[in-house]
Amino acid sequence: MRCCRPRWPLTAVLTLLLTSCSPEISSRACPRLVPYSPQQQLKAAQELRVLPVDAELRTMIADYKLTRDQIRICRGEPIPGSRP
């Protein structure tokens, strides 16, 4: 009785395949960036300057900046300080 089998697994797989290839990127799929005020950014920059050159925190902050840039790209937002 092949005609009576449910076809939902095939339908589910086809739906996933078709929607995953969508050319448009939804901003809902991209994380939201936490905004920082100019005063917070200035204070953070001052604190970063006084860290030892070999501080591991410098590497972590650089990684965090890269992550924020990737989120901006995902959301279609400009990256501060980059050329258009």
PDB file of N, CA and C in Angstrom:
ATOM      1  N   MET A   1       0.832  -1.182   0.000  1.00  0.00           N
ATOM      2  CA  MET A   1       0.000   0.000   0.000  1.00  0.00           C
ATOM      3  C   MET A   1       0.875   1.242   0.000  1.00  0.00           C
ATOM      4  N   ARG A   2       1.561   1.435  -1.027  1.00  0.00           N
ATOM      5  CA  ARG A   2       2.481   2.561  -1.157  1.00  0.00           C
ATOM      6  C   ARG A   2       1.758   3.899  -1.262  1.00  0.00           C
ATOM      7  N   CYS A   3       0.591   3.894  -1.796  1.00  0.00           N
ATOM      8  CA  CYS A   3      -0.133   5.152  -1.988  1.00  0.00           C
ATOM      9  C   CYS A   3      -0.597   5.778  -0.681  1.00  0.00           C
ATOM     10  N   CYS A   4      -0.597   5.035   0.388  1.00  0.00           N
ATOM     11  CA  CYS A   4      -1.133   5.551   1.646  1.00  0.00           C
ATOM     12  C   CYS A   4      -0.063   6.072   2.599  1.00  0.00           C
ATOM     13  N   ARG A   5       1.201   6.054   2.219  1.00  0.00           N
ATOM     14  CA  ARG A   5       2.261   6.551   3.092  1.00  0.00           C
ATOM     15  C   ARG A   5       2.199   8.077   3.184  1.00  0.00           C
ATOM     16  N   PRO A   6       2.483   8.610   4.354  1.00  0.00           N
ATOM     17  CA  PRO A   6       2.498  10.082   4.458  1.00  0.00           C
ATOM     18  C   PRO A   6       3.659  10.653   3.654  1.00  0.00           C
ATOM     19  N   ARG A   7       3.421  11.773   3.037  1.00  0.00           N
ATOM     20  CA  ARG A   7       4.451  12.408   2.207  1.00  0.00           C
ATOM     21  C   ARG A   7       5.087  13.607   2.904  1.00  0.00           C
ATOM     22  N   TRP A   8       4.750  13.823   4.159  1.00  0.00           N
ATOM     23  CA  TRP A   8       5.274  15.005   4.842  1.00  0.00           C
ATOM     24  C   TRP A   8       6.780  15.016   4.968  1.00  0.00           C
ATOM     25  N   PRO A   9       7.485  13.869   5.132  1.00  0.00           N
ATOM     26  CA  PRO A   9       8.953  13.965   5.211  1.00  0.00           C
ATOM     27  C   PRO A   9       9.553  14.550   3.936  1.00  0.00           C
ATOM     28  N   LEU A  10       9.053  14.123   2.793  1.00  0.00           N
ATOM     29  CA  LEU A  10       9.558  14.648   1.518  1.00  0.00           C
ATOM     30  C   LEU A  10       9.240  16.131   1.402  1.00  0.00           C
ATOM     31  N   THR A  11       8.031  16.510   1.767  1.00  0.00           N
ATOM     32  CA  THR A  11       7.626  17.914   1.706  1.00  0.00           C
ATOM     33  C   THR A  11       8.492  18.757   2.642  1.00  0.00           C
ATOM     34  N   ALA A  12       8.758  18.265   3.827  1.00  0.00           N
ATOM     35  CA  ALA A  12       9.576  19.008   4.795  1.00  0.00           C
ATOM     36  C   ALA A  12      10.990  19.213   4.272  1.00  0.00           C
ATOM     37  N   VAL A  13      11.585  18.167   3.704  1.00  0.00           N
ATOM     38  CA  VAL A  13      12.948  18.263   3.173  1.00  0.00           C
ATOM     39  C   VAL A  13      12.991  19.246   2.008  1.00  0.00           C
ATOM     40  N   LEU A  14      12.038  19.170   1.105  1.00  0.00           N
ATOM     41  CA  LEU A  14      12.016  20.087  -0.037  1.00  0.00           C
ATOM     42  C   LEU A  14      11.824  21.535   0.422  1.00  0.00           C
ATOM     43  N   THR A  15      10.972  21.753   1.397  1.00  0.00           N
ATOM     44  CA  THR A  15      10.768  23.100   1.918  1.00  0.00           C
ATOM     45  C   THR A  15      12.053  23.653   2.514  1.00  0.00           C
ATOM     46  N   LEU A  16      12.754  22.847   3.300  1.00  0.00           N
ATOM     47  CA  LEU A  16      14.017  23.291   3.890  1.00  0.00           C
ATOM     48  C   LEU A  16      15.050  23.612   2.818  1.00  0.00           C
ATOM     49  N   LEU A  17      15.148  22.769   1.819  1.00  0.00           N
ATOM     50  CA  LEU A  17      16.120  23.003   0.756  1.00  0.00           C
ATOM     51  C   LEU A  17      15.819  24.268  -0.019  1.00  0.00           C
ATOM     52  N   LEU A  18      14.567  24.499  -0.318  1.00  0.00           N
ATOM     53  CA  LEU A  18      14.199  25.672  -1.106  1.00  0.00           C
ATOM     54  C   LEU A  18      14.342  26.970  -0.316  1.00  0.00           C
ATOM     55  N   THR A  19      13.981  26.956   0.947  1.00  0.00           N
ATOM     56  CA  THR A  19      14.079  28.192   1.730  1.00  0.00           C
ATOM     57  C   THR A  19      15.506  28.500   2.146  1.00  0.00           C
ATOM     58  N   SER A  20      16.362  27.503   2.250  1.00  0.00           N
ATOM     59  CA  SER A  20      17.742  27.768   2.641  1.00  0.00           C
ATOM     60  C   SER A  20      18.543  28.394   1.514  1.00  0.00           C
ATOM     61  N   CYS A  21      18.041  28.342   0.315  1.00  0.00           N
ATOM     62  CA  CYS A  21      18.745  28.908  -0.838  1.00  0.00           C
ATOM     63  C   CYS A  21      18.209  30.280  -1.215  1.00  0.00           C
ATOM     64  N   SER A  22      17.424  30.869  -0.370  1.00  0.00           N
ATOM     65  CA  SER A  22      16.844  32.169  -0.658  1.00  0.00           C
ATOM     66  C   SER A  22      17.948  33.203  -0.841  1.00  0.00           C
ATOM     67  N   PRO A  23      17.890  34.013  -1.916  1.00  0.00           N
ATOM     68  CA  PRO A  23      18.954  34.996  -2.166  1.00  0.00           C
ATOM     69  C   PRO A  23      18.925  36.174  -1.200  1.00  0.00           C
ATOM     70  N   GLU A  24      17.806  36.426  -0.544  1.00  0.00           N
ATOM     71  CA  GLU A  24      17.706  37.545   0.368  1.00  0.00           C
ATOM     72  C   GLU A  24      18.070  37.131   1.775  1.00  0.00           C
ATOM     73  N   ILE A  25      18.856  37.963   2.436  1.00  0.00           N
ATOM     74  CA  ILE A  25      19.233  37.690   3.822  1.00  0.00           C
ATOM     75  C   ILE A  25      18.309  38.495   4.719  1.00  0.00           C
ATOM     76  N   SER A  26      17.682  37.837   5.628  1.00  0.00           N
ATOM     77  CA  SER A  26      16.780  38.512   6.545  1.00  0.00           C
ATOM     78  C   SER A  26      17.578  39.067   7.717  1.00  0.00           C
ATOM     79  N   SER A  27      17.320  40.321   8.076  1.00  0.00           N
ATOM     80  CA  SER A  27      18.027  40.902   9.213  1.00  0.00           C
ATOM     81  C   SER A  27      17.599  40.236  10.513  1.00  0.00           C
ATOM     82  N   ARG A  28      16.474  39.531  10.490  1.00  0.00           N
ATOM     83  CA  ARG A  28      16.039  38.832  11.695  1.00  0.00           C
ATOM     84  C   ARG A  28      16.951  37.658  12.020  1.00  0.00           C
ATOM     85  N   ALA A  29      17.676  37.154  11.025  1.00  0.00           N
ATOM     86  CA  ALA A  29      18.589  36.039  11.251  1.00  0.00           C
ATOM     87  C   ALA A  29      19.931  36.526  11.801  1.00  0.00           C
ATOM     88  N   CYS A  30      20.154  37.823  11.771  1.00  0.00           N
ATOM     89  CA  CYS A  30      21.413  38.398  12.237  1.00  0.00           C
ATOM     90  C   CYS A  30      21.234  38.910  13.667  1.00  0.00           C
ATOM     91  N   PRO A  31      22.227  38.660  14.521  1.00  0.00           N
ATOM     92  CA  PRO A  31      22.126  39.162  15.902  1.00  0.00           C
ATOM     93  C   PRO A  31      22.073  40.686  15.937  1.00  0.00           C
ATOM     94  N   ARG A  32      21.518  41.199  17.000  1.00  0.00           N
ATOM     95  CA  ARG A  32      21.447  42.643  17.197  1.00  0.00           C
ATOM     96  C   ARG A  32      22.729  43.105  17.881  1.00  0.00           C
ATOM     97  N   LEU A  33      23.253  44.239  17.434  1.00  0.00           N
ATOM     98  CA  LEU A  33      24.443  44.807  18.069  1.00  0.00           C
ATOM     99  C   LEU A  33      24.033  45.651  19.272  1.00  0.00           C
ATOM    100  N   VAL A  34      24.795  45.536  20.334  1.00  0.00           N
ATOM    101  CA  VAL A  34      24.576  46.381  21.505  1.00  0.00           C
ATOM    102  C   VAL A  34      25.201  47.741  21.186  1.00  0.00           C
ATOM    103  N   PRO A  35      24.417  48.814  21.254  1.00  0.00           N
ATOM    104  CA  PRO A  35      24.989  50.136  20.962  1.00  0.00           C
ATOM    105  C   PRO A  35      25.800  50.660  22.151  1.00  0.00           C
ATOM    106  N   TYR A  36      26.890  51.357  21.845  1.00  0.00           N
ATOM    107  CA  TYR A  36      27.721  51.980  22.868  1.00  0.00           C
ATOM    108  C   TYR A  36      27.765  53.479  22.599  1.00  0.00           C
ATOM    109  N   SER A  37      27.627  54.275  23.640  1.00  0.00           N
ATOM    110  CA  SER A  37      27.657  55.729  23.493  1.00  0.00           C
ATOM    111  C   SER A  37      29.079  56.176  23.162  1.00  0.00           C
ATOM    112  N   PRO A  38      29.225  57.377  22.615  1.00  0.00           N
ATOM    113  CA  PRO A  38      30.577  57.901  22.357  1.00  0.00           C
ATOM    114  C   PRO A  38      31.428  57.949  23.629  1.00  0.00           C
ATOM    115  N   GLN A  39      30.804  58.259  24.766  1.00  0.00           N
ATOM    116  CA  GLN A  39      31.546  58.314  26.033  1.00  0.00           C
ATOM    117  C   GLN A  39      32.053  56.912  26.418  1.00  0.00           C
ATOM    118  N   GLN A  40      31.220  55.900  26.232  1.00  0.00           N
ATOM    119  CA  GLN A  40      31.643  54.525  26.530  1.00  0.00           C
ATOM    120  C   GLN A  40      32.788  54.105  25.613  1.00  0.00           C
ATOM    121  N   GLN A  41      32.684  54.464  24.336  1.00  0.00           N
ATOM    122  CA  GLN A  41      33.728  54.098  23.388  1.00  0.00           C
ATOM    123  C   GLN A  41      35.046  54.789  23.718  1.00  0.00           C
ATOM    124  N   LEU A  42      34.993  56.047  24.098  1.00  0.00           N
ATOM    125  CA  LEU A  42      36.201  56.796  24.468  1.00  0.00           C
ATOM    126  C   LEU A  42      36.860  56.185  25.703  1.00  0.00           C
ATOM    127  N   LYS A  43      36.047  55.865  26.697  1.00  0.00           N
ATOM    128  CA  LYS A  43      36.584  55.258  27.927  1.00  0.00           C
ATOM    129  C   LYS A  43      37.214  53.899  27.623  1.00  0.00           C
ATOM    130  N   ALA A  44      36.558  53.096  26.793  1.00  0.00           N
ATOM    131  CA  ALA A  44      37.098  51.778  26.432  1.00  0.00           C
ATOM    132  C   ALA A  44      38.418  51.928  25.683  1.00  0.00           C
ATOM    133  N   ALA A  45      38.503  52.910  24.775  1.00  0.00           N
ATOM    134  CA  ALA A  45      39.740  53.132  24.030  1.00  0.00           C
ATOM    135  C   ALA A  45      40.871  53.551  24.963  1.00  0.00           C
ATOM    136  N   GLN A  46      40.562  54.398  25.940  1.00  0.00           N
ATOM    137  CA  GLN A  46      41.571  54.820  26.913  1.00  0.00           C
ATOM    138  C   GLN A  46      42.052  53.624  27.750  1.00  0.00           C
ATOM    139  N   GLU A  47      41.125  52.776  28.154  1.00  0.00           N
ATOM    140  CA  GLU A  47      41.490  51.598  28.937  1.00  0.00           C
ATOM    141  C   GLU A  47      42.311  50.614  28.104  1.00  0.00           C
ATOM    142  N   LEU A  48      41.990  50.502  26.829  1.00  0.00           N
ATOM    143  CA  LEU A  48      42.731  49.600  25.944  1.00  0.00           C
ATOM    144  C   LEU A  48      44.176  50.074  25.763  1.00  0.00           C
ATOM    145  N   ARG A  49      44.362  51.399  25.675  1.00  0.00           N
ATOM    146  CA  ARG A  49      45.710  51.951  25.483  1.00  0.00           C
ATOM    147  C   ARG A  49      46.656  51.622  26.630  1.00  0.00           C
ATOM    148  N   VAL A  50      46.140  51.485  27.845  1.00  0.00           N
ATOM    149  CA  VAL A  50      47.018  51.246  28.990  1.00  0.00           C
ATOM    150  C   VAL A  50      47.271  49.761  29.257  1.00  0.00           C
ATOM    151  N   LEU A  51      46.647  48.897  28.481  1.00  0.00           N
ATOM    152  CA  LEU A  51      46.903  47.461  28.644  1.00  0.00           C
ATOM    153  C   LEU A  51      48.322  47.122  28.190  1.00  0.00           C
ATOM    154  N   PRO A  52      48.935  46.147  28.810  1.00  0.00           N
ATOM    155  CA  PRO A  52      50.250  45.703  28.332  1.00  0.00           C
ATOM    156  C   PRO A  52      50.147  45.218  26.878  1.00  0.00           C
ATOM    157  N   VAL A  53      51.232  45.388  26.134  1.00  0.00           N
ATOM    158  CA  VAL A  53      51.252  45.019  24.716  1.00  0.00           C
ATOM    159  C   VAL A  53      50.889  43.549  24.507  1.00  0.00           C
ATOM    160  N   ASP A  54      51.303  42.690  25.427  1.00  0.00           N
ATOM    161  CA  ASP A  54      51.056  41.256  25.257  1.00  0.00           C
ATOM    162  C   ASP A  54      49.785  40.778  25.985  1.00  0.00           C
ATOM    163  N   ALA A  55      48.918  41.705  26.389  1.00  0.00           N
ATOM    164  CA  ALA A  55      47.693  41.333  27.099  1.00  0.00           C
ATOM    165  C   ALA A  55      46.769  40.529  26.184  1.00  0.00           C
ATOM    166  N   GLU A  56      46.285  39.436  26.703  1.00  0.00           N
ATOM    167  CA  GLU A  56      45.373  38.578  25.933  1.00  0.00           C
ATOM    168  C   GLU A  56      44.070  39.308  25.621  1.00  0.00           C
ATOM    169  N   LEU A  57      43.708  40.238  26.473  1.00  0.00           N
ATOM    170  CA  LEU A  57      42.483  41.001  26.263  1.00  0.00           C
ATOM    171  C   LEU A  57      42.519  41.779  24.944  1.00  0.00           C
ATOM    172  N   ARG A  58      43.703  42.213  24.507  1.00  0.00           N
ATOM    173  CA  ARG A  58      43.823  42.904  23.220  1.00  0.00           C
ATOM    174  C   ARG A  58      43.361  42.003  22.073  1.00  0.00           C
ATOM    175  N   THR A  59      43.763  40.740  22.102  1.00  0.00           N
ATOM    176  CA  THR A  59      43.361  39.780  21.065  1.00  0.00           C
ATOM    177  C   THR A  59      41.854  39.553  21.115  1.00  0.00           C
ATOM    178  N   MET A  60      41.320  39.425  22.314  1.00  0.00           N
ATOM    179  CA  MET A  60      39.887  39.182  22.454  1.00  0.00           C
ATOM    180  C   MET A  60      39.068  40.370  21.956  1.00  0.00           C
ATOM    181  N   ILE A  61      39.524  41.567  22.214  1.00  0.00           N
ATOM    182  CA  ILE A  61      38.816  42.761  21.765  1.00  0.00           C
ATOM    183  C   ILE A  61      38.876  42.857  20.237  1.00  0.00           C
ATOM    184  N   ALA A  62      40.014  42.521  19.640  1.00  0.00           N
ATOM    185  CA  ALA A  62      40.133  42.515  18.183  1.00  0.00           C
ATOM    186  C   ALA A  62      39.163  41.486  17.574  1.00  0.00           C
ATOM    187  N   ASP A  63      39.045  40.325  18.207  1.00  0.00           N
ATOM    188  CA  ASP A  63      38.093  39.310  17.747  1.00  0.00           C
ATOM    189  C   ASP A  63      36.660  39.819  17.851  1.00  0.00           C
ATOM    190  N   TYR A  64      36.363  40.532  18.927  1.00  0.00           N
ATOM    191  CA  TYR A  64      35.025  41.078  19.130  1.00  0.00           C
ATOM    192  C   TYR A  64      34.698  42.112  18.058  1.00  0.00           C
ATOM    193  N   LYS A  65      35.681  42.933  17.689  1.00  0.00           N
ATOM    194  CA  LYS A  65      35.464  43.916  16.622  1.00  0.00           C
ATOM    195  C   LYS A  65      35.148  43.211  15.314  1.00  0.00           C
ATOM    196  N   LEU A  66      35.880  42.147  15.014  1.00  0.00           N
ATOM    197  CA  LEU A  66      35.628  41.376  13.797  1.00  0.00           C
ATOM    198  C   LEU A  66      34.208  40.799  13.814  1.00  0.00           C
ATOM    199  N   THR A  67      33.789  40.285  14.960  1.00  0.00           N
ATOM    200  CA  THR A  67      32.434  39.743  15.089  1.00  0.00           C
ATOM    201  C   THR A  67      31.393  40.832  14.853  1.00  0.00           C
ATOM    202  N   ARG A  68      31.610  42.001  15.427  1.00  0.00           N
ATOM    203  CA  ARG A  68      30.669  43.116  15.215  1.00  0.00           C
ATOM    204  C   ARG A  68      30.630  43.530  13.751  1.00  0.00           C
ATOM    205  N   ASP A  69      31.773  43.546  13.076  1.00  0.00           N
ATOM    206  CA  ASP A  69      31.804  43.873  11.646  1.00  0.00           C
ATOM    207  C   ASP A  69      31.032  42.827  10.836  1.00  0.00           C
ATOM    208  N   GLN A  70      31.171  41.565  11.177  1.00  0.00           N
ATOM    209  CA  GLN A  70      30.449  40.503  10.475  1.00  0.00           C
ATOM    210  C   GLN A  70      28.938  40.639  10.680  1.00  0.00           C
ATOM    211  N   ILE A  71      28.525  41.033  11.870  1.00  0.00           N
ATOM    212  CA  ILE A  71      27.105  41.253  12.125  1.00  0.00           C
ATOM    213  C   ILE A  71      26.597  42.425  11.297  1.00  0.00           C
ATOM    214  N   ARG A  72      27.393  43.482  11.205  1.00  0.00           N
ATOM    215  CA  ARG A  72      26.990  44.634  10.385  1.00  0.00           C
ATOM    216  C   ARG A  72      26.824  44.220   8.924  1.00  0.00           C
ATOM    217  N   ILE A  73      27.745  43.421   8.414  1.00  0.00           N
ATOM    218  CA  ILE A  73      27.650  42.930   7.037  1.00  0.00           C
ATOM    219  C   ILE A  73      26.383  42.103   6.874  1.00  0.00           C
ATOM    220  N   CYS A  74      26.119  41.233   7.816  1.00  0.00           N
ATOM    221  CA  CYS A  74      24.926  40.389   7.792  1.00  0.00           C
ATOM    222  C   CYS A  74      23.660  41.245   7.751  1.00  0.00           C
ATOM    223  N   ARG A  75      23.651  42.329   8.494  1.00  0.00           N
ATOM    224  CA  ARG A  75      22.474  43.199   8.575  1.00  0.00           C
ATOM    225  C   ARG A  75      22.436  44.238   7.459  1.00  0.00           C
ATOM    226  N   GLY A  76      23.477  44.272   6.613  1.00  0.00           N
ATOM    227  CA  GLY A  76      23.517  45.237   5.514  1.00  0.00           C
ATOM    228  C   GLY A  76      23.852  46.645   5.976  1.00  0.00           C
ATOM    229  N   GLU A  77      24.535  46.763   7.108  1.00  0.00           N
ATOM    230  CA  GLU A  77      24.901  48.063   7.659  1.00  0.00           C
ATOM    231  C   GLU A  77      26.351  48.386   7.313  1.00  0.00           C
ATOM    232  N   PRO A  78      26.684  49.672   7.225  1.00  0.00           N
ATOM    233  CA  PRO A  78      28.078  50.043   6.939  1.00  0.00           C
ATOM    234  C   PRO A  78      28.991  49.735   8.129  1.00  0.00           C
ATOM    235  N   ILE A  79      30.242  49.484   7.839  1.00  0.00           N
ATOM    236  CA  ILE A  79      31.244  49.249   8.875  1.00  0.00           C
ATOM    237  C   ILE A  79      31.938  50.579   9.134  1.00  0.00           C
ATOM    238  N   PRO A  80      31.889  51.079  10.375  1.00  0.00           N
ATOM    239  CA  PRO A  80      32.515  52.370  10.670  1.00  0.00           C
ATOM    240  C   PRO A  80      34.009  52.357  10.314  1.00  0.00           C
ATOM    241  N   GLY A  81      34.445  53.428   9.679  1.00  0.00           N
ATOM    242  CA  GLY A  81      35.847  53.557   9.330  1.00  0.00           C
ATOM    243  C   GLY A  81      36.248  52.871   8.043  1.00  0.00           C
ATOM    244  N   SER A  82      35.313  52.182   7.370  1.00  0.00           N
ATOM    245  CA  SER A  82      35.662  51.514   6.111  1.00  0.00           C
ATOM    246  C   SER A  82      35.232  52.373   4.930  1.00  0.00           C
ATOM    247  N   ARG A  83      35.844  52.136   3.809  1.00  0.00           N
ATOM    248  CA  ARG A  83      35.494  52.875   2.599  1.00  0.00           C
ATOM    249  C   ARG A  83      34.245  52.272   1.964  1.00  0.00           C
ATOM    250  N   PRO A  84      33.391  53.117   1.396  1.00  0.00           N
ATOM    251  CA  PRO A  84      32.153  52.622   0.771  1.00  0.00           C
ATOM    252  C   PRO A  84      32.398  51.755  -0.442  1.00  0.00           C
TER     253      PRO A  84
END
